[in-house]
Amino acid sequence: MQQYKKIKIIISGGGTGGHVFPAIAIAQALSKKIKDAEILFVGALGKLEMEKVPAAGYKIIGLNISGLQRRLTYKNLSFPFKLISSLLKAKKIIKNFKPDIVVGVGGYASGPVLRIATKMGIPTIIQEQNSYPGITNKILAHKVDKICVAYKDMEKFFPKSKIYLTGNPVREEVIDTAGKKDNALQFFNLNPEQKTVLIIGGSLGARTINESVIKHLPLFSEHKIQLIWQTGKTYYGQVFQLALHHKNVRIFEFITQMDLAYAAADIIVSRAGAIAVSEISAIKKPAILIPSPFVAEDHQTKNAMALVNYNAAILLPDKESGEKLGDTIIDLLNDDEKQKKLSKNISELAFENAADNIATLIINTIK
């Protein structure tokens, strides 16, 4: 009797939630499709994945790797040594684990792991979350077998024959908002007769967005606009003190019930990270996007423009938010037709079952 071979998969990458959460969503979809699949993550030591992946129930090994700094710094001197040690460790991990396929999700760790896998002839797939690829995925693109993307027109960055338009995997529990509006308003103790704006700037927070909201709080009170406001860890204490006397504001360091926050909102103000954009597209809500100007290669502006070019979101540059955020929110809340148009157009850009589709592609690629 022939012995059954367990399928083994390495998923590598991380650094930020934009890489880590899609990676976990892909792993969960694979676990559903292949009941006894053995999935190993390889990440970067000290980064978000080293905490979030074990919390999701998967094993992870960390590489001592970091990126090149864009400015001249002593940290760049250690980069070649970290890269060489990471390549050697990646080779050892792959030889010991013997994966049937290696999947890269972007971020520092995916570079060495995918490079070794391609040299060893192991099938490889990368998943690019942004409309403008990160440097790691651009380098790997010509070596890997297949490339999953979330935006159209990616042929200018990747070989056309390798591209699969799958969308970004999003957490199903977060976008499950159907029929929850009444419960959501009750959960946040909000008035159903008033308009609600959800403001999110990432888990650490967005200084410009927070300062802009604080500046416009009297205007929001005057117009009876309610806020569900995720300030981020860095700014929570400061914002809480400044907004304490505004009765129309619900302030959170981090919103755990994102499905209810999305359900309660009439419109959303957000940074334009790949996963935030994918979640907003999936829930089909009108959005004002304020891209962070501090991310590599201005990814977020390019993500936002991919929606703005289809009249599916409003772009407000970070440097203009201090002056214009209040009026931009009020104008949109007062324009029902504009809200309907944005909702309709963004829904047409949303991808359903992205994690499931990527998992199927991974399984079909295994030799």
Protein backbone atom coordinates (compact mmCIF):
# COMPACT_ATOMS: atom_id res chain seq x y z
CA MET A 1 0.00 0.00 0.00
CA GLN A 2 1.38 3.39 -1.06
CA GLN A 3 2.06 5.75 1.85
CA TYR A 4 0.11 9.04 1.73
CA LYS A 5 2.36 12.11 1.49
CA LYS A 6 1.34 15.08 3.61
CA ILE A 7 1.36 18.38 1.69
CA LYS A 8 3.85 20.89 3.10
CA ILE A 9 3.65 24.64 2.43
CA ILE A 10 5.91 27.52 3.48
CA ILE A 11 4.42 31.02 3.63
CA SER A 12 7.02 33.75 3.97
CA GLY A 13 6.99 37.50 4.52
CA GLY A 14 5.44 40.07 6.80
CA GLY A 15 6.66 43.17 8.57
CA THR A 16 3.30 44.98 8.62
CA GLY A 17 -0.34 43.99 9.02
CA GLY A 18 -0.74 44.56 5.27
CA HIS A 19 1.48 41.53 4.67
CA VAL A 20 0.75 39.46 7.78
CA PHE A 21 -3.06 39.35 7.76
CA PRO A 22 -3.36 38.29 4.09
CA ALA A 23 -0.76 35.58 4.78
CA ILE A 24 -2.83 34.24 7.69
CA ALA A 25 -6.02 34.40 5.59
CA ILE A 26 -4.31 32.33 2.87
CA ALA A 27 -3.13 29.79 5.45
CA GLN A 28 -6.64 29.49 6.87
CA ALA A 29 -8.10 28.94 3.38
CA LEU A 30 -5.46 26.27 2.68
CA SER A 31 -6.19 24.55 6.01
CA LYS A 32 -9.87 24.30 5.04
CA LYS A 33 -9.08 22.84 1.63
CA ILE A 34 -6.33 20.42 2.77
CA LYS A 35 -7.27 19.13 6.21
CA ASP A 36 -3.84 17.80 7.20
CA ALA A 37 -1.63 20.29 5.35
CA GLU A 38 1.53 21.25 7.22
CA ILE A 39 2.02 25.01 6.99
CA LEU A 40 5.19 26.72 8.19
CA PHE A 41 5.64 30.51 8.26
CA VAL A 42 9.03 32.18 7.89
CA GLY A 43 9.14 35.80 9.03
CA ALA A 44 11.53 38.48 10.25
CA LEU A 45 12.61 38.48 13.89
CA GLY A 46 11.06 41.26 15.94
CA LYS A 47 8.30 41.97 13.41
CA LEU A 48 4.51 41.71 13.71
CA GLU A 49 4.32 38.21 12.23
CA MET A 50 6.28 36.73 15.15
CA GLU A 51 3.31 37.59 17.39
CA LYS A 52 0.28 37.31 15.08
CA VAL A 53 1.10 34.02 13.33
CA PRO A 54 1.43 31.89 16.53
CA ALA A 55 -1.75 33.60 17.83
CA ALA A 56 -3.52 32.28 14.70
CA GLY A 57 -2.28 28.76 15.47
CA TYR A 58 0.62 28.39 13.02
CA LYS A 59 4.33 27.72 13.56
CA ILE A 60 6.81 30.40 12.54
CA ILE A 61 10.59 30.64 12.26
CA GLY A 62 12.25 34.07 12.26
CA LEU A 63 15.13 35.30 10.09
CA ASN A 64 17.48 38.05 11.25
CA ILE A 65 16.72 40.28 8.25
CA SER A 66 15.84 43.93 7.73
CA GLY A 67 15.59 46.23 4.75
CA LEU A 68 18.02 48.80 3.44
CA GLN A 69 17.41 52.23 4.94
CA ARG A 70 16.61 54.90 2.35
CA ARG A 71 18.90 57.39 4.04
CA LEU A 72 22.59 56.93 4.81
CA THR A 73 22.79 55.15 8.17
CA TYR A 74 25.11 52.77 10.01
CA LYS A 75 22.31 50.15 9.94
CA ASN A 76 22.98 49.66 6.22
CA LEU A 77 26.47 48.37 7.05
CA SER A 78 24.96 45.25 8.64
CA PHE A 79 22.59 44.55 5.72
CA PRO A 80 24.94 42.34 3.62
CA PHE A 81 25.76 40.18 6.66
CA LYS A 82 22.09 39.84 7.63
CA LEU A 83 21.21 38.94 4.04
CA ILE A 84 23.90 36.23 3.79
CA SER A 85 22.93 34.70 7.16
CA SER A 86 19.24 34.80 6.18
CA LEU A 87 19.93 33.07 2.86
CA LEU A 88 21.87 30.33 4.67
CA LYS A 89 19.13 29.90 7.29
CA ALA A 90 16.42 29.90 4.60
CA LYS A 91 18.29 27.13 2.75
CA LYS A 92 18.50 25.08 5.96
CA ILE A 93 14.76 25.59 6.70
CA ILE A 94 13.76 24.54 3.19
CA LYS A 95 16.06 21.47 3.19
CA ASN A 96 14.71 20.33 6.57
CA PHE A 97 11.02 21.07 5.94
CA LYS A 98 10.95 19.93 2.27
CA PRO A 99 7.98 22.10 1.14
CA ASP A 100 5.89 21.24 -1.90
CA ILE A 101 5.47 24.98 -2.59
CA VAL A 102 6.70 28.30 -1.16
CA VAL A 103 4.42 31.35 -1.06
CA GLY A 104 5.73 34.90 -0.58
CA VAL A 105 3.54 37.75 0.64
CA GLY A 106 6.10 40.57 0.49
CA GLY A 107 8.29 42.00 3.23
CA TYR A 108 11.94 41.43 4.12
CA ALA A 109 11.82 37.72 4.99
CA SER A 110 10.20 36.62 1.73
CA GLY A 111 13.24 37.68 -0.33
CA PRO A 112 15.79 35.11 0.94
CA VAL A 113 13.20 32.31 1.28
CA LEU A 114 11.73 32.69 -2.22
CA ARG A 115 15.18 33.17 -3.77
CA ILE A 116 16.43 29.88 -2.30
CA ALA A 117 13.19 28.07 -3.25
CA THR A 118 13.46 29.16 -6.89
CA LYS A 119 17.12 28.05 -7.04
CA MET A 120 16.12 24.65 -5.63
CA GLY A 121 13.38 24.22 -8.25
CA ILE A 122 10.49 24.32 -5.75
CA PRO A 123 7.22 25.80 -7.10
CA THR A 124 6.76 29.40 -5.96
CA ILE A 125 3.96 31.99 -5.85
CA ILE A 126 4.03 35.58 -4.65
CA GLN A 127 1.06 37.69 -3.59
CA GLU A 128 1.30 41.45 -4.12
CA GLN A 129 -1.20 43.49 -2.10
CA ASN A 130 -0.51 46.96 -3.51
CA SER A 131 -1.14 48.65 -6.86
CA TYR A 132 2.57 49.54 -6.89
CA PRO A 133 4.70 46.50 -5.99
CA GLY A 134 7.21 46.40 -3.15
CA ILE A 135 10.87 46.03 -4.04
CA THR A 136 11.08 42.40 -2.82
CA ASN A 137 8.28 41.22 -5.11
CA LYS A 138 9.63 43.21 -8.06
CA ILE A 139 13.00 41.45 -7.67
CA LEU A 140 11.40 38.02 -7.30
CA ALA A 141 8.84 38.41 -10.13
CA HIS A 142 11.03 37.00 -12.92
CA LYS A 143 12.03 33.93 -10.88
CA VAL A 144 8.71 32.75 -9.40
CA ASP A 145 6.06 30.65 -11.15
CA LYS A 146 2.91 32.71 -10.49
CA ILE A 147 1.99 36.17 -9.17
CA CYS A 148 -1.33 36.97 -7.46
CA VAL A 149 -2.33 40.64 -7.68
CA ALA A 150 -5.18 42.81 -6.36
CA TYR A 151 -5.25 45.48 -9.06
CA LYS A 152 -5.62 45.57 -12.84
CA ASP A 153 -2.86 46.76 -15.20
CA MET A 154 0.00 45.12 -13.27
CA GLU A 155 1.69 44.05 -16.53
CA LYS A 156 3.89 47.16 -16.29
CA PHE A 157 5.58 45.61 -13.23
CA PHE A 158 5.30 41.84 -13.71
CA PRO A 159 5.47 39.34 -16.61
CA LYS A 160 1.92 39.19 -18.00
CA SER A 161 1.94 35.39 -18.36
CA LYS A 162 2.46 34.94 -14.60
CA ILE A 163 -0.25 37.32 -13.36
CA TYR A 164 -3.47 36.11 -11.71
CA LEU A 165 -5.99 38.78 -10.65
CA THR A 166 -7.26 37.42 -7.32
CA GLY A 167 -7.73 40.44 -5.06
CA ASN A 168 -6.43 40.74 -1.50
CA PRO A 169 -7.46 38.21 1.14
CA VAL A 170 -9.50 39.94 3.87
CA ARG A 171 -10.69 38.61 7.21
CA GLU A 172 -14.21 37.28 6.65
CA GLU A 173 -15.34 38.12 10.19
CA VAL A 174 -14.41 41.79 9.64
CA ILE A 175 -16.43 42.31 6.45
CA ASP A 176 -19.52 40.41 7.63
CA THR A 177 -21.70 43.52 8.11
CA ALA A 178 -25.01 42.46 6.56
CA GLY A 179 -28.04 43.28 8.73
CA LYS A 180 -25.89 44.55 11.61
CA LYS A 181 -26.47 48.33 11.44
CA ASP A 182 -29.08 48.58 14.24
CA ASN A 183 -27.05 46.33 16.55
CA ALA A 184 -23.88 48.25 15.68
CA LEU A 185 -25.39 51.64 16.54
CA GLN A 186 -26.65 50.19 19.81
CA PHE A 187 -23.24 48.64 20.55
CA PHE A 188 -21.50 52.02 20.15
CA ASN A 189 -24.38 53.86 21.91
CA LEU A 190 -25.04 56.05 18.87
CA ASN A 191 -28.14 57.93 17.72
CA PRO A 192 -29.79 56.27 14.68
CA GLU A 193 -31.16 59.68 13.63
CA GLN A 194 -27.65 61.11 13.13
CA LYS A 195 -24.95 60.41 10.53
CA THR A 196 -21.93 58.33 11.63
CA VAL A 197 -18.35 58.58 10.38
CA LEU A 198 -15.77 55.86 11.04
CA ILE A 199 -12.19 57.18 11.26
CA ILE A 200 -9.32 54.69 11.12
CA GLY A 201 -5.60 55.33 10.70
CA GLY A 202 -3.99 51.95 11.30
CA SER A 203 -3.12 50.11 14.53
CA LEU A 204 -0.42 52.61 15.56
CA GLY A 205 -2.47 55.59 14.45
CA ALA A 206 -2.05 58.43 11.97
CA ARG A 207 -0.89 61.72 13.50
CA THR A 208 -2.18 63.98 10.71
CA ILE A 209 -5.63 62.37 10.67
CA ASN A 210 -5.93 62.57 14.46
CA GLU A 211 -4.85 66.23 14.54
CA SER A 212 -7.25 67.07 11.69
CA VAL A 213 -10.18 65.41 13.48
CA ILE A 214 -9.37 67.23 16.74
CA LYS A 215 -9.33 70.54 14.86
CA HIS A 216 -12.78 69.87 13.36
CA LEU A 217 -14.55 68.44 16.43
CA PRO A 218 -16.59 71.64 17.05
CA LEU A 219 -17.73 71.56 13.40
CA PHE A 220 -18.81 67.90 13.69
CA SER A 221 -20.74 68.70 16.89
CA GLU A 222 -22.44 71.66 15.18
CA HIS A 223 -23.58 69.41 12.31
CA LYS A 224 -24.62 66.58 14.68
CA ILE A 225 -22.10 64.16 13.15
CA GLN A 226 -21.15 61.11 15.25
CA LEU A 227 -17.65 59.65 15.16
CA ILE A 228 -16.30 56.15 15.78
CA TRP A 229 -12.61 56.97 16.01
CA GLN A 230 -9.69 54.56 16.15
CA THR A 231 -6.81 56.75 17.26
CA GLY A 232 -4.11 54.07 17.34
CA LYS A 233 -1.98 53.14 20.31
CA THR A 234 0.43 56.09 20.02
CA TYR A 235 -2.21 58.84 20.21
CA TYR A 236 -5.02 57.39 22.33
CA GLY A 237 -4.22 59.11 25.65
CA GLN A 238 -3.71 62.52 24.06
CA VAL A 239 -6.87 62.31 21.92
CA PHE A 240 -8.99 61.01 24.80
CA GLN A 241 -8.13 64.07 26.91
CA LEU A 242 -8.78 66.55 24.09
CA ALA A 243 -12.08 64.97 22.98
CA LEU A 244 -13.41 64.15 26.44
CA HIS A 245 -16.22 66.73 26.40
CA HIS A 246 -17.54 65.93 22.94
CA LYS A 247 -20.59 63.71 23.45
CA ASN A 248 -20.81 62.68 19.77
CA VAL A 249 -17.43 60.88 19.75
CA ARG A 250 -16.56 57.26 20.56
CA ILE A 251 -12.78 56.92 20.95
CA PHE A 252 -10.82 53.65 20.76
CA GLU A 253 -7.14 52.81 20.80
CA PHE A 254 -7.97 49.82 18.60
CA ILE A 255 -11.40 48.60 17.44
CA THR A 256 -11.79 44.87 17.96
CA GLN A 257 -15.40 44.73 16.64
CA MET A 258 -14.52 46.03 13.17
CA ASP A 259 -17.56 44.41 11.60
CA LEU A 260 -19.82 46.52 13.83
CA ALA A 261 -17.75 49.68 13.23
CA TYR A 262 -18.08 49.17 9.47
CA ALA A 263 -21.80 48.38 9.81
CA ALA A 264 -22.50 51.53 11.85
CA ALA A 265 -20.67 53.90 9.50
CA ASP A 266 -22.33 55.96 6.79
CA ILE A 267 -18.93 56.95 5.44
CA ILE A 268 -15.32 55.99 6.28
CA VAL A 269 -12.17 58.09 6.60
CA SER A 270 -9.06 55.92 6.33
CA ARG A 271 -5.44 55.61 5.35
CA ALA A 272 -5.04 53.79 2.02
CA GLY A 273 -3.12 50.66 3.00
CA ALA A 274 -3.84 47.72 0.71
CA ILE A 275 -5.89 45.76 3.25
CA ALA A 276 -7.89 48.79 4.44
CA VAL A 277 -8.78 49.53 0.81
CA SER A 278 -9.74 45.89 0.20
CA GLU A 279 -11.96 45.79 3.30
CA ILE A 280 -13.70 49.07 2.42
CA SER A 281 -14.28 47.75 -1.12
CA ALA A 282 -15.75 44.52 0.27
CA ILE A 283 -18.23 46.36 2.54
CA LYS A 284 -19.11 48.80 -0.28
CA LYS A 285 -19.04 52.00 1.78
CA PRO A 286 -18.23 55.55 0.56
CA ALA A 287 -14.71 56.46 1.65
CA ILE A 288 -12.41 59.43 1.99
CA LEU A 289 -8.84 58.12 1.69
CA ILE A 290 -5.91 60.03 3.21
CA PRO A 291 -2.78 58.18 2.04
CA SER A 292 0.21 58.12 4.36
CA PRO A 293 3.10 60.04 2.78
CA PHE A 294 5.61 58.05 4.86
CA VAL A 295 5.37 54.60 3.22
CA ALA A 296 7.86 53.18 0.73
CA GLU A 297 7.45 54.34 -2.88
CA ASP A 298 4.23 56.19 -1.93
CA HIS A 299 2.25 52.91 -2.12
CA GLN A 300 -0.81 54.33 -0.43
CA THR A 301 -1.36 57.19 -2.89
CA LYS A 302 -1.14 54.68 -5.74
CA ASN A 303 -3.64 52.38 -3.96
CA ALA A 304 -6.02 55.30 -3.48
CA MET A 305 -5.66 56.47 -7.09
CA ALA A 306 -6.59 52.98 -8.32
CA LEU A 307 -10.03 53.68 -6.75
CA VAL A 308 -10.22 57.42 -7.49
CA ASN A 309 -9.63 56.76 -11.21
CA TYR A 310 -12.84 54.69 -11.19
CA ASN A 311 -14.71 57.36 -9.17
CA ALA A 312 -14.88 54.82 -6.34
CA ALA A 313 -13.38 56.91 -3.50
CA ILE A 314 -12.37 60.47 -2.59
CA LEU A 315 -8.67 61.28 -2.22
CA LEU A 316 -7.62 63.88 0.34
CA PRO A 317 -3.84 64.47 0.44
CA ASP A 318 -2.32 64.22 3.91
CA LYS A 319 -0.96 67.78 3.81
CA GLU A 320 -4.44 69.16 3.01
CA SER A 321 -6.39 67.23 5.64
CA GLY A 322 -5.82 69.80 8.37
CA GLU A 323 -7.73 72.41 6.40
CA LYS A 324 -10.15 70.35 4.34
CA LEU A 325 -11.16 67.23 6.29
CA GLY A 326 -14.20 68.78 8.01
CA ASP A 327 -15.71 70.25 4.83
CA THR A 328 -14.90 67.09 2.82
CA ILE A 329 -16.79 64.91 5.34
CA ILE A 330 -19.78 67.28 5.55
CA ASP A 331 -20.01 67.67 1.75
CA LEU A 332 -20.06 63.90 1.28
CA LEU A 333 -22.60 63.29 4.07
CA ASN A 334 -24.90 65.88 2.48
CA ASP A 335 -24.64 64.37 -1.00
CA ASP A 336 -26.68 61.15 -1.15
CA GLU A 337 -26.11 60.76 -4.90
CA LYS A 338 -22.34 60.96 -4.49
CA GLN A 339 -22.48 58.35 -1.71
CA LYS A 340 -24.52 55.98 -3.88
CA LYS A 341 -22.13 56.47 -6.82
CA LEU A 342 -19.04 55.79 -4.71
CA SER A 343 -20.65 52.70 -3.13
CA LYS A 344 -21.68 51.29 -6.50
CA ASN A 345 -18.28 51.89 -8.11
CA ILE A 346 -16.22 50.55 -5.20
CA SER A 347 -18.38 47.41 -5.05
CA GLU A 348 -17.47 46.69 -8.69
CA LEU A 349 -13.77 46.76 -7.77
CA ALA A 350 -14.16 44.37 -4.83
CA PHE A 351 -12.99 40.75 -5.10
CA GLU A 352 -14.90 38.02 -3.32
CA ASN A 353 -13.24 34.86 -2.00
CA ALA A 354 -9.70 36.12 -2.69
CA ALA A 355 -8.09 33.88 -0.05
CA ASP A 356 -10.01 30.87 -1.37
CA ASN A 357 -8.99 31.62 -4.97
CA ILE A 358 -5.33 32.03 -3.99
CA ALA A 359 -5.44 28.75 -2.01
CA THR A 360 -6.86 26.95 -5.07
CA LEU A 361 -4.09 28.39 -7.26
CA ILE A 362 -1.46 27.26 -4.73
CA ILE A 363 -2.86 23.71 -4.68
CA ASN A 364 -3.02 23.56 -8.48
CA THR A 365 0.61 24.72 -8.71
CA ILE A 366 1.99 21.95 -6.52
CA LYS A 367 3.70 19.39 -8.76
